[in-house]
Amino acid sequence: MSPAEGASSKFGLDRKPGMSGPPQDLEADPRESAEPKARRPDRFMKLEEVSRRVGLGKTMIYAMIREERFPAPYKISPFAARWSEHEITAWIDEVKHGFEGKLRRV
């Protein structure tokens, strides 16, 4: 075995073209899995991104936080506050179905 062949098998470079990653069961259909989809990890968002995603300005966001109508940010340092992406997404979903139980008419 030449040094080049040894290095290629050592690092997994001797795979067939088009076959990357671990071997897969070709008979299993991932769509038929009984397990629910794994929830994406939560991430923090800055005020600018929150404002862009919900379509509200800084003043309105903070007014709604005081009225407990919008998710409050997490203080991650004395000078930085961030919002949970999952909480903002849940708030958007709630708003799409209407405030105070009033369903939106389409």
PDB file of N, CA and C in Angstrom:
ATOM      1  N   MET A   1       0.856  -1.171   0.000  1.00  0.00           N
ATOM      2  CA  MET A   1       0.000   0.000   0.000  1.00  0.00           C
ATOM      3  C   MET A   1       0.900   1.231   0.000  1.00  0.00           C
ATOM      4  N   SER A   2       0.633   2.140  -0.900  1.00  0.00           N
ATOM      5  CA  SER A   2       1.453   3.350  -0.972  1.00  0.00           C
ATOM      6  C   SER A   2       1.014   4.334   0.100  1.00  0.00           C
ATOM      7  N   PRO A   3       1.852   5.292   0.457  1.00  0.00           N
ATOM      8  CA  PRO A   3       1.469   6.282   1.471  1.00  0.00           C
ATOM      9  C   PRO A   3       0.213   7.055   1.061  1.00  0.00           C
ATOM     10  N   ALA A   4       0.048   7.301  -0.241  1.00  0.00           N
ATOM     11  CA  ALA A   4      -1.134   8.044  -0.693  1.00  0.00           C
ATOM     12  C   ALA A   4      -2.394   7.226  -0.466  1.00  0.00           C
ATOM     13  N   GLU A   5      -2.321   5.884  -0.724  1.00  0.00           N
ATOM     14  CA  GLU A   5      -3.496   5.040  -0.508  1.00  0.00           C
ATOM     15  C   GLU A   5      -3.829   4.943   0.963  1.00  0.00           C
ATOM     16  N   GLY A   6      -2.812   4.834   1.813  1.00  0.00           N
ATOM     17  CA  GLY A   6      -3.025   4.755   3.245  1.00  0.00           C
ATOM     18  C   GLY A   6      -3.688   6.010   3.784  1.00  0.00           C
ATOM     19  N   ALA A   7      -3.277   7.161   3.285  1.00  0.00           N
ATOM     20  CA  ALA A   7      -3.856   8.429   3.744  1.00  0.00           C
ATOM     21  C   ALA A   7      -5.299   8.556   3.282  1.00  0.00           C
ATOM     22  N   SER A   8      -5.579   8.092   2.048  1.00  0.00           N
ATOM     23  CA  SER A   8      -6.943   8.249   1.554  1.00  0.00           C
ATOM     24  C   SER A   8      -7.924   7.374   2.325  1.00  0.00           C
ATOM     25  N   SER A   9      -7.507   6.130   2.682  1.00  0.00           N
ATOM     26  CA  SER A   9      -8.428   5.291   3.441  1.00  0.00           C
ATOM     27  C   SER A   9      -8.501   5.743   4.896  1.00  0.00           C
ATOM     28  N   LYS A  10      -7.416   6.273   5.419  1.00  0.00           N
ATOM     29  CA  LYS A  10      -7.401   6.746   6.798  1.00  0.00           C
ATOM     30  C   LYS A  10      -8.406   7.883   7.000  1.00  0.00           C
ATOM     31  N   PHE A  11      -8.530   8.755   6.024  1.00  0.00           N
ATOM     32  CA  PHE A  11      -9.421   9.908   6.136  1.00  0.00           C
ATOM     33  C   PHE A  11     -10.741   9.705   5.403  1.00  0.00           C
ATOM     34  N   GLY A  12     -11.031   8.502   4.980  1.00  0.00           N
ATOM     35  CA  GLY A  12     -12.307   8.230   4.329  1.00  0.00           C
ATOM     36  C   GLY A  12     -12.400   8.779   2.924  1.00  0.00           C
ATOM     37  N   LEU A  13     -11.260   8.965   2.264  1.00  0.00           N
ATOM     38  CA  LEU A  13     -11.274   9.533   0.922  1.00  0.00           C
ATOM     39  C   LEU A  13     -11.418   8.466  -0.153  1.00  0.00           C
ATOM     40  N   ASP A  14     -11.536   7.191   0.247  1.00  0.00           N
ATOM     41  CA  ASP A  14     -11.627   6.119  -0.730  1.00  0.00           C
ATOM     42  C   ASP A  14     -13.065   5.745  -1.036  1.00  0.00           C
ATOM     43  N   ARG A  15     -14.003   6.612  -0.738  1.00  0.00           N
ATOM     44  CA  ARG A  15     -15.414   6.342  -1.037  1.00  0.00           C
ATOM     45  C   ARG A  15     -15.679   6.534  -2.516  1.00  0.00           C
ATOM     46  N   LYS A  16     -16.770   5.939  -2.953  1.00  0.00           N
ATOM     47  CA  LYS A  16     -17.166   6.096  -4.344  1.00  0.00           C
ATOM     48  C   LYS A  16     -17.669   7.516  -4.561  1.00  0.00           C
ATOM     49  N   PRO A  17     -17.499   8.048  -5.772  1.00  0.00           N
ATOM     50  CA  PRO A  17     -17.991   9.398  -6.050  1.00  0.00           C
ATOM     51  C   PRO A  17     -19.503   9.479  -5.801  1.00  0.00           C
ATOM     52  N   GLY A  18     -19.936  10.593  -5.237  1.00  0.00           N
ATOM     53  CA  GLY A  18     -21.358  10.805  -4.983  1.00  0.00           C
ATOM     54  C   GLY A  18     -21.840  10.200  -3.685  1.00  0.00           C
ATOM     55  N   MET A  19     -20.990   9.497  -2.965  1.00  0.00           N
ATOM     56  CA  MET A  19     -21.391   8.880  -1.704  1.00  0.00           C
ATOM     57  C   MET A  19     -20.658   9.569  -0.576  1.00  0.00           C
ATOM     58  N   SER A  20     -21.292  10.520   0.041  1.00  0.00           N
ATOM     59  CA  SER A  20     -20.663  11.207   1.161  1.00  0.00           C
ATOM     60  C   SER A  20     -21.451  10.914   2.419  1.00  0.00           C
ATOM     61  N   GLY A  21     -20.814  11.078   3.548  1.00  0.00           N
ATOM     62  CA  GLY A  21     -21.485  10.865   4.819  1.00  0.00           C
ATOM     63  C   GLY A  21     -21.546   9.402   5.175  1.00  0.00           C
ATOM     64  N   PRO A  22     -22.185   9.101   6.307  1.00  0.00           N
ATOM     65  CA  PRO A  22     -22.266   7.709   6.748  1.00  0.00           C
ATOM     66  C   PRO A  22     -23.171   6.900   5.831  1.00  0.00           C
ATOM     67  N   PRO A  23     -22.992   5.582   5.788  1.00  0.00           N
ATOM     68  CA  PRO A  23     -23.847   4.750   4.947  1.00  0.00           C
ATOM     69  C   PRO A  23     -25.303   4.869   5.385  1.00  0.00           C
ATOM     70  N   GLN A  24     -26.195   4.877   4.432  1.00  0.00           N
ATOM     71  CA  GLN A  24     -27.621   5.037   4.692  1.00  0.00           C
ATOM     72  C   GLN A  24     -28.344   3.739   4.348  1.00  0.00           C
ATOM     73  N   ASP A  25     -29.417   3.462   5.063  1.00  0.00           N
ATOM     74  CA  ASP A  25     -30.260   2.321   4.734  1.00  0.00           C
ATOM     75  C   ASP A  25     -31.112   2.734   3.542  1.00  0.00           C
ATOM     76  N   LEU A  26     -30.870   2.100   2.401  1.00  0.00           N
ATOM     77  CA  LEU A  26     -31.555   2.508   1.182  1.00  0.00           C
ATOM     78  C   LEU A  26     -33.030   2.157   1.186  1.00  0.00           C
ATOM     79  N   GLU A  27     -33.457   1.240   2.049  1.00  0.00           N
ATOM     80  CA  GLU A  27     -34.856   0.834   2.069  1.00  0.00           C
ATOM     81  C   GLU A  27     -35.707   1.698   2.986  1.00  0.00           C
ATOM     82  N   ALA A  28     -35.103   2.396   3.924  1.00  0.00           N
ATOM     83  CA  ALA A  28     -35.865   3.203   4.879  1.00  0.00           C
ATOM     84  C   ALA A  28     -36.224   4.546   4.254  1.00  0.00           C
ATOM     85  N   ASP A  29     -37.480   4.923   4.361  1.00  0.00           N
ATOM     86  CA  ASP A  29     -37.953   6.207   3.859  1.00  0.00           C
ATOM     87  C   ASP A  29     -38.017   7.171   5.042  1.00  0.00           C
ATOM     88  N   PRO A  30     -37.236   8.262   5.041  1.00  0.00           N
ATOM     89  CA  PRO A  30     -37.229   9.169   6.185  1.00  0.00           C
ATOM     90  C   PRO A  30     -38.581   9.824   6.428  1.00  0.00           C
ATOM     91  N   ARG A  31     -39.440   9.906   5.425  1.00  0.00           N
ATOM     92  CA  ARG A  31     -40.764  10.521   5.604  1.00  0.00           C
ATOM     93  C   ARG A  31     -41.698   9.627   6.396  1.00  0.00           C
ATOM     94  N   GLU A  32     -41.390   8.337   6.484  1.00  0.00           N
ATOM     95  CA  GLU A  32     -42.256   7.401   7.192  1.00  0.00           C
ATOM     96  C   GLU A  32     -41.864   7.244   8.652  1.00  0.00           C
ATOM     97  N   SER A  33     -40.931   8.043   9.122  1.00  0.00           N
ATOM     98  CA  SER A  33     -40.482   7.947  10.509  1.00  0.00           C
ATOM     99  C   SER A  33     -41.615   8.301  11.451  1.00  0.00           C
ATOM    100  N   ALA A  34     -41.789   7.501  12.495  1.00  0.00           N
ATOM    101  CA  ALA A  34     -42.836   7.754  13.472  1.00  0.00           C
ATOM    102  C   ALA A  34     -42.431   8.846  14.450  1.00  0.00           C
ATOM    103  N   GLU A  35     -41.145   9.171  14.508  1.00  0.00           N
ATOM    104  CA  GLU A  35     -40.679  10.191  15.434  1.00  0.00           C
ATOM    105  C   GLU A  35     -41.011  11.576  14.897  1.00  0.00           C
ATOM    106  N   PRO A  36     -41.430  12.503  15.776  1.00  0.00           N
ATOM    107  CA  PRO A  36     -41.684  13.869  15.312  1.00  0.00           C
ATOM    108  C   PRO A  36     -40.377  14.538  14.932  1.00  0.00           C
ATOM    109  N   LYS A  37     -40.481  15.570  14.085  1.00  0.00           N
ATOM    110  CA  LYS A  37     -39.290  16.289  13.675  1.00  0.00           C
ATOM    111  C   LYS A  37     -38.641  16.931  14.891  1.00  0.00           C
ATOM    112  N   ALA A  38     -37.345  16.888  14.899  1.00  0.00           N
ATOM    113  CA  ALA A  38     -36.611  17.509  16.002  1.00  0.00           C
ATOM    114  C   ALA A  38     -36.735  19.018  15.873  1.00  0.00           C
ATOM    115  N   ARG A  39     -36.983  19.670  16.993  1.00  0.00           N
ATOM    116  CA  ARG A  39     -37.115  21.116  16.999  1.00  0.00           C
ATOM    117  C   ARG A  39     -35.734  21.736  16.830  1.00  0.00           C
ATOM    118  N   ARG A  40     -35.667  22.734  15.962  1.00  0.00           N
ATOM    119  CA  ARG A  40     -34.399  23.408  15.758  1.00  0.00           C
ATOM    120  C   ARG A  40     -33.949  24.076  17.045  1.00  0.00           C
ATOM    121  N   PRO A  41     -32.652  24.151  17.261  1.00  0.00           N
ATOM    122  CA  PRO A  41     -32.180  24.816  18.477  1.00  0.00           C
ATOM    123  C   PRO A  41     -32.607  26.279  18.475  1.00  0.00           C
ATOM    124  N   ASP A  42     -32.920  26.771  19.668  1.00  0.00           N
ATOM    125  CA  ASP A  42     -33.326  28.161  19.799  1.00  0.00           C
ATOM    126  C   ASP A  42     -32.110  29.054  19.583  1.00  0.00           C
ATOM    127  N   ARG A  43     -32.354  30.228  19.046  1.00  0.00           N
ATOM    128  CA  ARG A  43     -31.268  31.197  18.891  1.00  0.00           C
ATOM    129  C   ARG A  43     -31.785  32.550  19.328  1.00  0.00           C
ATOM    130  N   PHE A  44     -30.879  33.445  19.646  1.00  0.00           N
ATOM    131  CA  PHE A  44     -31.245  34.783  20.064  1.00  0.00           C
ATOM    132  C   PHE A  44     -31.190  35.737  18.879  1.00  0.00           C
ATOM    133  N   MET A  45     -32.121  36.704  18.887  1.00  0.00           N
ATOM    134  CA  MET A  45     -32.187  37.684  17.801  1.00  0.00           C
ATOM    135  C   MET A  45     -32.050  39.088  18.382  1.00  0.00           C
ATOM    136  N   LYS A  46     -31.409  39.962  17.629  1.00  0.00           N
ATOM    137  CA  LYS A  46     -31.286  41.362  18.010  1.00  0.00           C
ATOM    138  C   LYS A  46     -32.597  42.089  17.717  1.00  0.00           C
ATOM    139  N   LEU A  47     -32.736  43.270  18.318  1.00  0.00           N
ATOM    140  CA  LEU A  47     -33.942  44.076  18.137  1.00  0.00           C
ATOM    141  C   LEU A  47     -34.214  44.362  16.661  1.00  0.00           C
ATOM    142  N   GLU A  48     -33.175  44.645  15.888  1.00  0.00           N
ATOM    143  CA  GLU A  48     -33.360  44.963  14.470  1.00  0.00           C
ATOM    144  C   GLU A  48     -34.018  43.804  13.722  1.00  0.00           C
ATOM    145  N   GLU A  49     -33.593  42.582  14.020  1.00  0.00           N
ATOM    146  CA  GLU A  49     -34.183  41.419  13.345  1.00  0.00           C
ATOM    147  C   GLU A  49     -35.604  41.164  13.825  1.00  0.00           C
ATOM    148  N   VAL A  50     -35.835  41.335  15.130  1.00  0.00           N
ATOM    149  CA  VAL A  50     -37.191  41.172  15.668  1.00  0.00           C
ATOM    150  C   VAL A  50     -38.117  42.179  15.002  1.00  0.00           C
ATOM    151  N   SER A  51     -37.689  43.431  14.940  1.00  0.00           N
ATOM    152  CA  SER A  51     -38.491  44.493  14.328  1.00  0.00           C
ATOM    153  C   SER A  51     -38.816  44.174  12.871  1.00  0.00           C
ATOM    154  N   ARG A  52     -37.827  43.697  12.147  1.00  0.00           N
ATOM    155  CA  ARG A  52     -38.038  43.349  10.731  1.00  0.00           C
ATOM    156  C   ARG A  52     -39.020  42.191  10.590  1.00  0.00           C
ATOM    157  N   ARG A  53     -38.883  41.171  11.456  1.00  0.00           N
ATOM    158  CA  ARG A  53     -39.738  39.989  11.332  1.00  0.00           C
ATOM    159  C   ARG A  53     -41.190  40.257  11.711  1.00  0.00           C
ATOM    160  N   VAL A  54     -41.412  41.124  12.704  1.00  0.00           N
ATOM    161  CA  VAL A  54     -42.794  41.354  13.154  1.00  0.00           C
ATOM    162  C   VAL A  54     -43.412  42.597  12.532  1.00  0.00           C
ATOM    163  N   GLY A  55     -42.607  43.417  11.889  1.00  0.00           N
ATOM    164  CA  GLY A  55     -43.142  44.601  11.226  1.00  0.00           C
ATOM    165  C   GLY A  55     -43.523  45.720  12.184  1.00  0.00           C
ATOM    166  N   LEU A  56     -42.886  45.769  13.348  1.00  0.00           N
ATOM    167  CA  LEU A  56     -43.151  46.821  14.323  1.00  0.00           C
ATOM    168  C   LEU A  56     -41.851  47.543  14.638  1.00  0.00           C
ATOM    169  N   GLY A  57     -41.959  48.807  15.015  1.00  0.00           N
ATOM    170  CA  GLY A  57     -40.791  49.585  15.392  1.00  0.00           C
ATOM    171  C   GLY A  57     -40.405  49.354  16.845  1.00  0.00           C
ATOM    172  N   LYS A  58     -39.250  49.891  17.195  1.00  0.00           N
ATOM    173  CA  LYS A  58     -38.700  49.734  18.539  1.00  0.00           C
ATOM    174  C   LYS A  58     -39.657  50.256  19.606  1.00  0.00           C
ATOM    175  N   THR A  59     -40.213  51.436  19.414  1.00  0.00           N
ATOM    176  CA  THR A  59     -41.107  52.037  20.406  1.00  0.00           C
ATOM    177  C   THR A  59     -42.341  51.179  20.626  1.00  0.00           C
ATOM    178  N   MET A  60     -42.934  50.686  19.555  1.00  0.00           N
ATOM    179  CA  MET A  60     -44.129  49.846  19.672  1.00  0.00           C
ATOM    180  C   MET A  60     -43.805  48.521  20.342  1.00  0.00           C
ATOM    181  N   ILE A  61     -42.664  47.931  20.010  1.00  0.00           N
ATOM    182  CA  ILE A  61     -42.271  46.662  20.628  1.00  0.00           C
ATOM    183  C   ILE A  61     -42.148  46.837  22.140  1.00  0.00           C
ATOM    184  N   TYR A  62     -41.443  47.886  22.581  1.00  0.00           N
ATOM    185  CA  TYR A  62     -41.265  48.088  24.017  1.00  0.00           C
ATOM    186  C   TYR A  62     -42.573  48.478  24.707  1.00  0.00           C
ATOM    187  N   ALA A  63     -43.445  49.205  24.026  1.00  0.00           N
ATOM    188  CA  ALA A  63     -44.761  49.521  24.611  1.00  0.00           C
ATOM    189  C   ALA A  63     -45.573  48.241  24.807  1.00  0.00           C
ATOM    190  N   MET A  64     -45.529  47.332  23.825  1.00  0.00           N
ATOM    191  CA  MET A  64     -46.263  46.073  23.933  1.00  0.00           C
ATOM    192  C   MET A  64     -45.656  45.168  25.011  1.00  0.00           C
ATOM    193  N   ILE A  65     -44.342  45.242  25.219  1.00  0.00           N
ATOM    194  CA  ILE A  65     -43.710  44.471  26.296  1.00  0.00           C
ATOM    195  C   ILE A  65     -44.220  44.971  27.642  1.00  0.00           C
ATOM    196  N   ARG A  66     -44.307  46.304  27.814  1.00  0.00           N
ATOM    197  CA  ARG A  66     -44.829  46.858  29.070  1.00  0.00           C
ATOM    198  C   ARG A  66     -46.266  46.416  29.319  1.00  0.00           C
ATOM    199  N   GLU A  67     -47.057  46.284  28.244  1.00  0.00           N
ATOM    200  CA  GLU A  67     -48.455  45.844  28.356  1.00  0.00           C
ATOM    201  C   GLU A  67     -48.572  44.320  28.408  1.00  0.00           C
ATOM    202  N   GLU A  68     -47.437  43.621  28.398  1.00  0.00           N
ATOM    203  CA  GLU A  68     -47.375  42.155  28.398  1.00  0.00           C
ATOM    204  C   GLU A  68     -48.098  41.539  27.206  1.00  0.00           C
ATOM    205  N   ARG A  69     -47.975  42.201  26.053  1.00  0.00           N
ATOM    206  CA  ARG A  69     -48.575  41.701  24.811  1.00  0.00           C
ATOM    207  C   ARG A  69     -47.513  41.230  23.818  1.00  0.00           C
ATOM    208  N   PHE A  70     -46.240  41.256  24.244  1.00  0.00           N
ATOM    209  CA  PHE A  70     -45.133  40.869  23.371  1.00  0.00           C
ATOM    210  C   PHE A  70     -44.067  40.211  24.240  1.00  0.00           C
ATOM    211  N   PRO A  71     -43.360  39.196  23.721  1.00  0.00           N
ATOM    212  CA  PRO A  71     -42.323  38.525  24.533  1.00  0.00           C
ATOM    213  C   PRO A  71     -41.226  39.491  24.969  1.00  0.00           C
ATOM    214  N   ALA A  72     -40.859  39.416  26.218  1.00  0.00           N
ATOM    215  CA  ALA A  72     -39.784  40.255  26.751  1.00  0.00           C
ATOM    216  C   ALA A  72     -38.428  39.678  26.340  1.00  0.00           C
ATOM    217  N   PRO A  73     -37.430  40.550  26.204  1.00  0.00           N
ATOM    218  CA  PRO A  73     -36.094  40.061  25.841  1.00  0.00           C
ATOM    219  C   PRO A  73     -35.373  39.477  27.043  1.00  0.00           C
ATOM    220  N   TYR A  74     -34.315  38.732  26.754  1.00  0.00           N
ATOM    221  CA  TYR A  74     -33.416  38.211  27.780  1.00  0.00           C
ATOM    222  C   TYR A  74     -32.219  39.147  27.853  1.00  0.00           C
ATOM    223  N   LYS A  75     -31.867  39.575  29.045  1.00  0.00           N
ATOM    224  CA  LYS A  75     -30.671  40.404  29.224  1.00  0.00           C
ATOM    225  C   LYS A  75     -29.473  39.464  29.292  1.00  0.00           C
ATOM    226  N   ILE A  76     -28.627  39.488  28.280  1.00  0.00           N
ATOM    227  CA  ILE A  76     -27.480  38.591  28.252  1.00  0.00           C
ATOM    228  C   ILE A  76     -26.211  39.273  28.748  1.00  0.00           C
ATOM    229  N   SER A  77     -26.269  40.588  28.914  1.00  0.00           N
ATOM    230  CA  SER A  77     -25.187  41.355  29.527  1.00  0.00           C
ATOM    231  C   SER A  77     -25.802  42.689  29.955  1.00  0.00           C
ATOM    232  N   PRO A  78     -25.067  43.516  30.681  1.00  0.00           N
ATOM    233  CA  PRO A  78     -25.644  44.804  31.092  1.00  0.00           C
ATOM    234  C   PRO A  78     -26.044  45.701  29.915  1.00  0.00           C
ATOM    235  N   PHE A  79     -25.451  45.453  28.749  1.00  0.00           N
ATOM    236  CA  PHE A  79     -25.715  46.325  27.611  1.00  0.00           C
ATOM    237  C   PHE A  79     -26.369  45.614  26.427  1.00  0.00           C
ATOM    238  N   ALA A  80     -26.769  44.373  26.593  1.00  0.00           N
ATOM    239  CA  ALA A  80     -27.321  43.623  25.462  1.00  0.00           C
ATOM    240  C   ALA A  80     -28.570  42.853  25.871  1.00  0.00           C
ATOM    241  N   ALA A  81     -29.599  42.962  25.043  1.00  0.00           N
ATOM    242  CA  ALA A  81     -30.842  42.211  25.226  1.00  0.00           C
ATOM    243  C   ALA A  81     -31.126  41.485  23.921  1.00  0.00           C
ATOM    244  N   ARG A  82     -31.575  40.241  24.034  1.00  0.00           N
ATOM    245  CA  ARG A  82     -31.886  39.446  22.843  1.00  0.00           C
ATOM    246  C   ARG A  82     -33.199  38.720  23.065  1.00  0.00           C
ATOM    247  N   TRP A  83     -33.907  38.452  21.948  1.00  0.00           N
ATOM    248  CA  TRP A  83     -35.182  37.753  21.990  1.00  0.00           C
ATOM    249  C   TRP A  83     -35.000  36.323  21.513  1.00  0.00           C
ATOM    250  N   SER A  84     -35.800  35.421  22.048  1.00  0.00           N
ATOM    251  CA  SER A  84     -35.797  34.025  21.636  1.00  0.00           C
ATOM    252  C   SER A  84     -36.539  33.912  20.298  1.00  0.00           C
ATOM    253  N   GLU A  85     -35.910  33.270  19.342  1.00  0.00           N
ATOM    254  CA  GLU A  85     -36.537  33.098  18.028  1.00  0.00           C
ATOM    255  C   GLU A  85     -37.829  32.292  18.150  1.00  0.00           C
ATOM    256  N   HIS A  86     -37.847  31.261  19.009  1.00  0.00           N
ATOM    257  CA  HIS A  86     -39.054  30.448  19.168  1.00  0.00           C
ATOM    258  C   HIS A  86     -40.193  31.267  19.764  1.00  0.00           C
ATOM    259  N   GLU A  87     -39.901  32.137  20.720  1.00  0.00           N
ATOM    260  CA  GLU A  87     -40.945  32.961  21.325  1.00  0.00           C
ATOM    261  C   GLU A  87     -41.512  33.959  20.323  1.00  0.00           C
ATOM    262  N   ILE A  88     -40.653  34.532  19.490  1.00  0.00           N
ATOM    263  CA  ILE A  88     -41.123  35.480  18.472  1.00  0.00           C
ATOM    264  C   ILE A  88     -41.960  34.754  17.426  1.00  0.00           C
ATOM    265  N   THR A  89     -41.516  33.581  17.009  1.00  0.00           N
ATOM    266  CA  THR A  89     -42.278  32.797  16.026  1.00  0.00           C
ATOM    267  C   THR A  89     -43.641  32.409  16.596  1.00  0.00           C
ATOM    268  N   ALA A  90     -43.685  32.011  17.864  1.00  0.00           N
ATOM    269  CA  ALA A  90     -44.958  31.667  18.510  1.00  0.00           C
ATOM    270  C   ALA A  90     -45.864  32.887  18.588  1.00  0.00           C
ATOM    271  N   TRP A  91     -45.304  34.058  18.871  1.00  0.00           N
ATOM    272  CA  TRP A  91     -46.096  35.287  18.933  1.00  0.00           C
ATOM    273  C   TRP A  91     -46.684  35.605  17.558  1.00  0.00           C
ATOM    274  N   ILE A  92     -45.876  35.454  16.517  1.00  0.00           N
ATOM    275  CA  ILE A  92     -46.361  35.705  15.145  1.00  0.00           C
ATOM    276  C   ILE A  92     -47.505  34.752  14.824  1.00  0.00           C
ATOM    277  N   ASP A  93     -47.361  33.467  15.169  1.00  0.00           N
ATOM    278  CA  ASP A  93     -48.430  32.498  14.917  1.00  0.00           C
ATOM    279  C   ASP A  93     -49.700  32.870  15.662  1.00  0.00           C
ATOM    280  N   GLU A  94     -49.553  33.341  16.907  1.00  0.00           N
ATOM    281  CA  GLU A  94     -50.713  33.748  17.704  1.00  0.00           C
ATOM    282  C   GLU A  94     -51.409  34.951  17.073  1.00  0.00           C
ATOM    283  N   VAL A  95     -50.631  35.898  16.583  1.00  0.00           N
ATOM    284  CA  VAL A  95     -51.203  37.093  15.959  1.00  0.00           C
ATOM    285  C   VAL A  95     -51.926  36.728  14.666  1.00  0.00           C
ATOM    286  N   LYS A  96     -51.378  35.779  13.929  1.00  0.00           N
ATOM    287  CA  LYS A  96     -52.028  35.373  12.679  1.00  0.00           C
ATOM    288  C   LYS A  96     -53.413  34.804  12.929  1.00  0.00           C
ATOM    289  N   HIS A  97     -53.638  34.216  14.113  1.00  0.00           N
ATOM    290  CA  HIS A  97     -54.943  33.661  14.442  1.00  0.00           C
ATOM    291  C   HIS A  97     -55.840  34.670  15.128  1.00  0.00           C
ATOM    292  N   GLY A  98     -55.353  35.880  15.368  1.00  0.00           N
ATOM    293  CA  GLY A  98     -56.169  36.950  15.909  1.00  0.00           C
ATOM    294  C   GLY A  98     -55.944  37.195  17.384  1.00  0.00           C
ATOM    295  N   PHE A  99     -56.011  38.454  17.756  1.00  0.00           N
ATOM    296  CA  PHE A  99     -55.932  38.846  19.159  1.00  0.00           C
ATOM    297  C   PHE A  99     -57.245  38.547  19.848  1.00  0.00           C
ATOM    298  N   GLU A 100     -57.182  38.254  21.120  1.00  0.00           N
ATOM    299  CA  GLU A 100     -58.353  38.085  21.977  1.00  0.00           C
ATOM    300  C   GLU A 100     -59.343  37.053  21.420  1.00  0.00           C
ATOM    301  N   GLY A 101     -58.829  36.048  20.730  1.00  0.00           N
ATOM    302  CA  GLY A 101     -59.677  34.965  20.243  1.00  0.00           C
ATOM    303  C   GLY A 101     -60.459  35.293  18.985  1.00  0.00           C
ATOM    304  N   LYS A 102     -60.282  36.479  18.429  1.00  0.00           N
ATOM    305  CA  LYS A 102     -60.993  36.842  17.200  1.00  0.00           C
ATOM    306  C   LYS A 102     -60.238  36.258  16.012  1.00  0.00           C
ATOM    307  N   LEU A 103     -60.857  35.354  15.316  1.00  0.00           N
ATOM    308  CA  LEU A 103     -60.183  34.734  14.183  1.00  0.00           C
ATOM    309  C   LEU A 103     -60.213  35.658  12.983  1.00  0.00           C
ATOM    310  N   ARG A 104     -59.131  35.643  12.246  1.00  0.00           N
ATOM    311  CA  ARG A 104     -59.039  36.444  11.036  1.00  0.00           C
ATOM    312  C   ARG A 104     -59.893  35.808   9.962  1.00  0.00           C
ATOM    313  N   ARG A 105     -60.627  36.620   9.261  1.00  0.00           N
ATOM    314  CA  ARG A 105     -61.446  36.129   8.139  1.00  0.00           C
ATOM    315  C   ARG A 105     -60.659  36.242   6.871  1.00  0.00           C
ATOM    316  N   VAL A 106     -60.638  35.155   6.119  1.00  0.00           N
ATOM    317  CA  VAL A 106     -59.863  35.136   4.871  1.00  0.00           C
ATOM    318  C   VAL A 106     -60.801  35.280   3.708  1.00  0.00           C
TER     319      VAL A 106
END
